[in-house]
């Protein structure tokens, strides 16, 4: 795939774009490997020239660099929401498996 180079693409900008793509994939229930698909990468490169050199190369990198951050942000958001509710709140959650890893990053107690 031919790489094009833009003037404004850097690691910080690429991380924002890739994070948004990962959020969309997770929200739609798509596999993380979607970002490794050459057609998806070509589409991203068309929209954001020079992003290919910043793209993750395997599922583990996507998980460690982006999904863990999303998990921590979502957990903090949930804790903040629960803290605003009056009275005692009980929450039960089923586990989620991503890339054969089951993790709960933070206990959800307020």
N, C-alpha and C. Protein backbone atom coordinates (compact mmCIF):
# COMPACT_ATOMS: atom_id res chain seq x y z
N UNK A 1 0.84 -1.16 0.00
CA UNK A 1 0.00 0.00 0.00
C UNK A 1 0.90 1.24 0.00
N UNK A 2 0.56 2.17 -0.84
CA UNK A 2 1.38 3.37 -0.95
C UNK A 2 1.13 4.29 0.23
N UNK A 3 2.20 4.81 0.79
CA UNK A 3 2.11 5.71 1.94
C UNK A 3 2.17 7.15 1.45
N UNK A 4 1.26 7.97 1.94
CA UNK A 4 1.31 9.40 1.65
C UNK A 4 1.69 10.12 2.92
N UNK A 5 2.38 11.23 2.79
CA UNK A 5 2.85 11.95 3.96
C UNK A 5 2.22 13.32 4.02
N UNK A 6 1.57 13.59 5.14
CA UNK A 6 0.98 14.89 5.36
C UNK A 6 1.85 15.70 6.32
N UNK A 7 1.62 16.99 6.34
CA UNK A 7 2.43 17.85 7.18
C UNK A 7 2.02 17.82 8.64
N UNK A 8 0.74 17.58 8.91
CA UNK A 8 0.25 17.75 10.27
C UNK A 8 0.12 16.46 11.07
N UNK A 9 0.47 15.31 10.51
CA UNK A 9 0.30 14.06 11.25
C UNK A 9 1.50 13.83 12.16
N UNK A 10 1.20 13.63 13.45
CA UNK A 10 2.23 13.28 14.42
C UNK A 10 1.64 12.22 15.34
N UNK A 11 2.41 11.74 16.29
CA UNK A 11 1.96 10.65 17.16
C UNK A 11 0.72 11.04 17.95
N UNK A 12 0.67 12.26 18.45
CA UNK A 12 -0.47 12.69 19.26
C UNK A 12 -1.75 12.72 18.43
N UNK A 13 -1.67 13.29 17.23
CA UNK A 13 -2.83 13.35 16.34
C UNK A 13 -3.26 11.94 15.93
N UNK A 14 -2.29 11.10 15.60
CA UNK A 14 -2.60 9.73 15.19
C UNK A 14 -3.26 8.96 16.33
N UNK A 15 -2.79 9.15 17.56
CA UNK A 15 -3.39 8.46 18.71
C UNK A 15 -4.86 8.85 18.90
N UNK A 16 -5.17 10.12 18.67
CA UNK A 16 -6.56 10.58 18.80
C UNK A 16 -7.43 9.91 17.74
N UNK A 17 -6.96 9.87 16.50
CA UNK A 17 -7.71 9.26 15.41
C UNK A 17 -7.89 7.76 15.66
N UNK A 18 -6.81 7.09 16.04
CA UNK A 18 -6.87 5.64 16.25
C UNK A 18 -7.76 5.32 17.45
N UNK A 19 -7.68 6.13 18.51
CA UNK A 19 -8.53 5.92 19.68
C UNK A 19 -10.00 6.00 19.29
N UNK A 20 -10.35 6.97 18.45
CA UNK A 20 -11.74 7.09 18.00
C UNK A 20 -12.17 5.90 17.16
N UNK A 21 -11.27 5.38 16.35
CA UNK A 21 -11.58 4.19 15.55
C UNK A 21 -11.78 2.97 16.46
N UNK A 22 -10.94 2.85 17.48
CA UNK A 22 -11.07 1.73 18.42
C UNK A 22 -12.38 1.85 19.20
N UNK A 23 -12.72 3.06 19.64
CA UNK A 23 -14.00 3.27 20.35
C UNK A 23 -15.17 2.83 19.48
N UNK A 24 -15.14 3.22 18.21
CA UNK A 24 -16.23 2.85 17.30
C UNK A 24 -16.29 1.33 17.11
N UNK A 25 -15.14 0.70 16.97
CA UNK A 25 -15.10 -0.75 16.79
C UNK A 25 -15.63 -1.48 18.03
N UNK A 26 -15.21 -1.03 19.20
CA UNK A 26 -15.67 -1.66 20.44
C UNK A 26 -17.17 -1.44 20.61
N UNK A 27 -17.65 -0.24 20.32
CA UNK A 27 -19.08 0.06 20.47
C UNK A 27 -19.93 -0.79 19.53
N UNK A 28 -19.40 -1.09 18.35
CA UNK A 28 -20.15 -1.90 17.38
C UNK A 28 -19.93 -3.39 17.58
N UNK A 29 -19.08 -3.76 18.52
CA UNK A 29 -18.82 -5.18 18.78
C UNK A 29 -17.94 -5.82 17.73
N UNK A 30 -17.15 -5.03 17.03
CA UNK A 30 -16.26 -5.55 15.99
C UNK A 30 -14.96 -6.03 16.63
N UNK A 31 -14.28 -6.97 15.99
CA UNK A 31 -12.99 -7.42 16.54
C UNK A 31 -11.94 -6.31 16.41
N UNK A 32 -10.99 -6.32 17.34
CA UNK A 32 -9.93 -5.32 17.29
C UNK A 32 -9.08 -5.46 16.03
N UNK A 33 -9.04 -6.66 15.49
CA UNK A 33 -8.23 -6.90 14.29
C UNK A 33 -8.76 -6.14 13.07
N UNK A 34 -9.93 -5.52 13.21
CA UNK A 34 -10.48 -4.72 12.11
C UNK A 34 -9.48 -3.63 11.72
N UNK A 35 -8.79 -3.04 12.69
CA UNK A 35 -7.83 -1.98 12.39
C UNK A 35 -6.59 -2.49 11.66
N UNK A 36 -6.41 -3.79 11.65
CA UNK A 36 -5.26 -4.38 10.95
C UNK A 36 -5.60 -4.73 9.50
N UNK A 37 -6.88 -4.62 9.15
CA UNK A 37 -7.35 -4.93 7.80
C UNK A 37 -6.79 -3.90 6.81
N UNK A 38 -6.19 -4.35 5.72
CA UNK A 38 -5.61 -3.42 4.75
C UNK A 38 -6.62 -2.42 4.17
N UNK A 39 -7.88 -2.85 4.02
CA UNK A 39 -8.89 -1.94 3.47
C UNK A 39 -9.23 -0.84 4.46
N UNK A 40 -9.30 -1.17 5.73
CA UNK A 40 -9.56 -0.16 6.76
C UNK A 40 -8.37 0.79 6.85
N UNK A 41 -7.17 0.24 6.79
CA UNK A 41 -5.98 1.09 6.83
C UNK A 41 -5.91 2.01 5.62
N UNK A 42 -6.29 1.51 4.45
CA UNK A 42 -6.29 2.35 3.25
C UNK A 42 -7.30 3.49 3.40
N UNK A 43 -8.46 3.18 3.97
CA UNK A 43 -9.47 4.20 4.20
C UNK A 43 -8.97 5.27 5.18
N UNK A 44 -8.33 4.81 6.26
CA UNK A 44 -7.77 5.76 7.23
C UNK A 44 -6.68 6.61 6.59
N UNK A 45 -5.86 6.00 5.76
CA UNK A 45 -4.78 6.73 5.10
C UNK A 45 -5.33 7.77 4.13
N UNK A 46 -6.45 7.45 3.50
CA UNK A 46 -7.08 8.40 2.58
C UNK A 46 -7.62 9.61 3.36
N UNK A 47 -8.23 9.33 4.52
CA UNK A 47 -8.79 10.41 5.33
C UNK A 47 -7.74 11.18 6.12
N UNK A 48 -6.71 10.47 6.57
CA UNK A 48 -5.65 11.07 7.39
C UNK A 48 -4.30 10.68 6.81
N UNK A 49 -3.81 11.41 5.83
CA UNK A 49 -2.54 11.05 5.20
C UNK A 49 -1.41 10.89 6.22
N UNK A 50 -0.60 9.89 6.00
CA UNK A 50 0.60 9.59 6.80
C UNK A 50 0.29 8.90 8.12
N UNK A 51 -0.94 8.42 8.32
CA UNK A 51 -1.27 7.76 9.59
C UNK A 51 -0.72 6.34 9.64
N UNK A 52 -0.41 5.75 8.49
CA UNK A 52 0.00 4.34 8.47
C UNK A 52 1.24 4.06 9.30
N UNK A 53 2.16 4.99 9.35
CA UNK A 53 3.38 4.73 10.14
C UNK A 53 3.10 4.72 11.64
N UNK A 54 1.92 5.20 12.05
CA UNK A 54 1.55 5.22 13.47
C UNK A 54 0.57 4.11 13.82
N UNK A 55 0.10 3.36 12.84
CA UNK A 55 -0.91 2.33 13.08
C UNK A 55 -0.32 1.16 13.87
N UNK A 56 -1.09 0.62 14.82
CA UNK A 56 -0.63 -0.57 15.55
C UNK A 56 -0.49 -1.75 14.59
N UNK A 57 0.40 -2.68 14.92
CA UNK A 57 0.69 -3.79 14.02
C UNK A 57 0.12 -5.12 14.51
N UNK A 58 -0.44 -5.15 15.73
CA UNK A 58 -1.04 -6.40 16.21
C UNK A 58 -2.13 -6.11 17.23
N UNK A 59 -2.94 -7.13 17.51
CA UNK A 59 -4.06 -6.98 18.43
C UNK A 59 -3.62 -6.60 19.84
N UNK A 60 -2.52 -7.15 20.29
CA UNK A 60 -2.06 -6.87 21.65
C UNK A 60 -1.73 -5.40 21.84
N UNK A 61 -1.13 -4.79 20.83
CA UNK A 61 -0.81 -3.36 20.90
C UNK A 61 -2.08 -2.53 20.98
N UNK A 62 -3.07 -2.88 20.16
CA UNK A 62 -4.35 -2.17 20.19
C UNK A 62 -4.97 -2.29 21.58
N UNK A 63 -4.96 -3.50 22.11
CA UNK A 63 -5.56 -3.72 23.43
C UNK A 63 -4.83 -2.92 24.51
N UNK A 64 -3.51 -3.06 24.56
CA UNK A 64 -2.73 -2.42 25.62
C UNK A 64 -2.74 -0.90 25.53
N UNK A 65 -2.68 -0.37 24.32
CA UNK A 65 -2.53 1.07 24.14
C UNK A 65 -3.86 1.82 24.14
N UNK A 66 -4.93 1.17 23.67
CA UNK A 66 -6.20 1.87 23.50
C UNK A 66 -7.34 1.30 24.34
N UNK A 67 -7.54 0.00 24.31
CA UNK A 67 -8.69 -0.60 25.01
C UNK A 67 -8.57 -0.43 26.51
N UNK A 68 -7.38 -0.57 27.06
CA UNK A 68 -7.20 -0.40 28.50
C UNK A 68 -7.55 1.03 28.91
N UNK A 69 -7.16 2.03 28.10
CA UNK A 69 -7.52 3.42 28.40
C UNK A 69 -9.03 3.62 28.35
N UNK A 70 -9.67 3.03 27.35
CA UNK A 70 -11.13 3.14 27.23
C UNK A 70 -11.79 2.50 28.45
N UNK A 71 -11.28 1.35 28.89
CA UNK A 71 -11.83 0.67 30.06
C UNK A 71 -11.71 1.54 31.30
N UNK A 72 -10.56 2.14 31.51
CA UNK A 72 -10.35 2.98 32.70
C UNK A 72 -11.24 4.22 32.66
N UNK A 73 -11.37 4.85 31.48
CA UNK A 73 -12.23 6.03 31.35
C UNK A 73 -13.69 5.67 31.61
N UNK A 74 -14.12 4.55 31.06
CA UNK A 74 -15.51 4.11 31.22
C UNK A 74 -15.80 3.76 32.68
N UNK A 75 -14.87 3.11 33.34
CA UNK A 75 -15.04 2.76 34.75
C UNK A 75 -15.13 4.03 35.60
N UNK A 76 -14.26 5.00 35.32
CA UNK A 76 -14.30 6.26 36.07
C UNK A 76 -15.63 6.99 35.83
N UNK A 77 -16.12 6.95 34.61
CA UNK A 77 -17.40 7.57 34.28
C UNK A 77 -18.54 6.90 35.05
N UNK A 78 -18.51 5.57 35.10
CA UNK A 78 -19.53 4.81 35.82
C UNK A 78 -19.48 5.12 37.31
N UNK A 79 -18.27 5.18 37.87
CA UNK A 79 -18.12 5.50 39.29
C UNK A 79 -18.64 6.90 39.59
N UNK A 80 -18.36 7.84 38.70
CA UNK A 80 -18.84 9.21 38.87
C UNK A 80 -20.37 9.25 38.83
N UNK A 81 -20.95 8.52 37.90
CA UNK A 81 -22.40 8.46 37.79
C UNK A 81 -23.02 7.85 39.04
N UNK A 82 -22.43 6.76 39.52
CA UNK A 82 -22.96 6.08 40.70
C UNK A 82 -22.85 6.96 41.94
N UNK A 83 -21.81 7.77 42.02
CA UNK A 83 -21.64 8.65 43.18
C UNK A 83 -22.73 9.71 43.24
N UNK A 84 -23.31 10.05 42.11
CA UNK A 84 -24.36 11.07 42.05
C UNK A 84 -25.75 10.52 42.39
N UNK A 85 -25.90 9.20 42.37
CA UNK A 85 -27.20 8.59 42.63
C UNK A 85 -27.50 8.60 44.13
N UNK A 86 -28.76 8.89 44.49
CA UNK A 86 -29.11 8.88 45.91
C UNK A 86 -29.28 7.46 46.43
N UNK A 87 -29.01 7.26 47.70
CA UNK A 87 -29.22 5.95 48.32
C UNK A 87 -28.11 4.97 48.01
N UNK A 88 -28.37 3.69 48.29
CA UNK A 88 -27.41 2.63 48.06
C UNK A 88 -27.61 2.07 46.65
N UNK A 89 -26.54 1.87 45.96
CA UNK A 89 -26.62 1.39 44.59
C UNK A 89 -25.90 0.05 44.49
N UNK A 90 -26.57 -0.94 43.95
CA UNK A 90 -25.95 -2.24 43.70
C UNK A 90 -25.84 -2.44 42.20
N UNK A 91 -24.67 -2.82 41.75
CA UNK A 91 -24.44 -3.03 40.32
C UNK A 91 -23.80 -4.40 40.13
N UNK A 92 -24.32 -5.16 39.20
CA UNK A 92 -23.73 -6.46 38.86
C UNK A 92 -23.34 -6.42 37.39
N UNK A 93 -22.15 -6.92 37.09
CA UNK A 93 -21.66 -6.92 35.71
C UNK A 93 -21.15 -8.29 35.35
N UNK A 94 -21.39 -8.68 34.13
CA UNK A 94 -20.81 -9.90 33.60
C UNK A 94 -19.43 -9.57 33.06
N UNK A 95 -18.55 -10.55 33.07
CA UNK A 95 -17.20 -10.34 32.56
C UNK A 95 -17.19 -10.20 31.05
N UNK A 96 -16.17 -9.57 30.56
CA UNK A 96 -15.99 -9.39 29.12
C UNK A 96 -14.63 -9.97 28.76
N UNK A 97 -14.57 -10.65 27.64
CA UNK A 97 -13.31 -11.21 27.19
C UNK A 97 -12.90 -10.52 25.90
N UNK A 98 -11.70 -9.95 25.90
CA UNK A 98 -11.13 -9.34 24.71
C UNK A 98 -9.77 -9.97 24.50
N UNK A 99 -9.55 -10.56 23.37
CA UNK A 99 -8.27 -11.20 23.05
C UNK A 99 -7.91 -12.25 24.09
N UNK A 100 -8.90 -12.99 24.54
CA UNK A 100 -8.72 -14.05 25.54
C UNK A 100 -8.21 -13.52 26.88
N UNK A 101 -8.40 -12.23 27.13
CA UNK A 101 -7.99 -11.64 28.40
C UNK A 101 -9.25 -11.18 29.12
N UNK A 102 -9.35 -11.52 30.38
CA UNK A 102 -10.44 -11.03 31.20
C UNK A 102 -9.84 -10.16 32.28
N UNK A 103 -10.16 -8.88 32.22
CA UNK A 103 -9.57 -7.97 33.18
C UNK A 103 -10.63 -7.03 33.73
N UNK A 104 -10.52 -6.72 34.98
CA UNK A 104 -11.26 -5.62 35.58
C UNK A 104 -10.19 -4.66 36.08
N UNK A 105 -10.11 -3.52 35.43
CA UNK A 105 -8.99 -2.63 35.74
C UNK A 105 -9.10 -2.00 37.14
N UNK A 106 -10.31 -1.66 37.55
CA UNK A 106 -10.49 -1.05 38.87
C UNK A 106 -11.74 -1.62 39.50
N UNK A 107 -11.73 -1.89 40.79
CA UNK A 107 -12.97 -2.30 41.43
C UNK A 107 -13.94 -1.13 41.43
N UNK A 108 -15.18 -1.40 41.21
CA UNK A 108 -16.18 -0.33 41.07
C UNK A 108 -16.92 -0.14 42.38
N UNK A 109 -16.30 0.56 43.30
CA UNK A 109 -16.95 0.85 44.58
C UNK A 109 -16.88 2.36 44.79
N UNK A 110 -17.93 2.90 45.32
CA UNK A 110 -17.99 4.35 45.49
C UNK A 110 -17.97 4.69 46.97
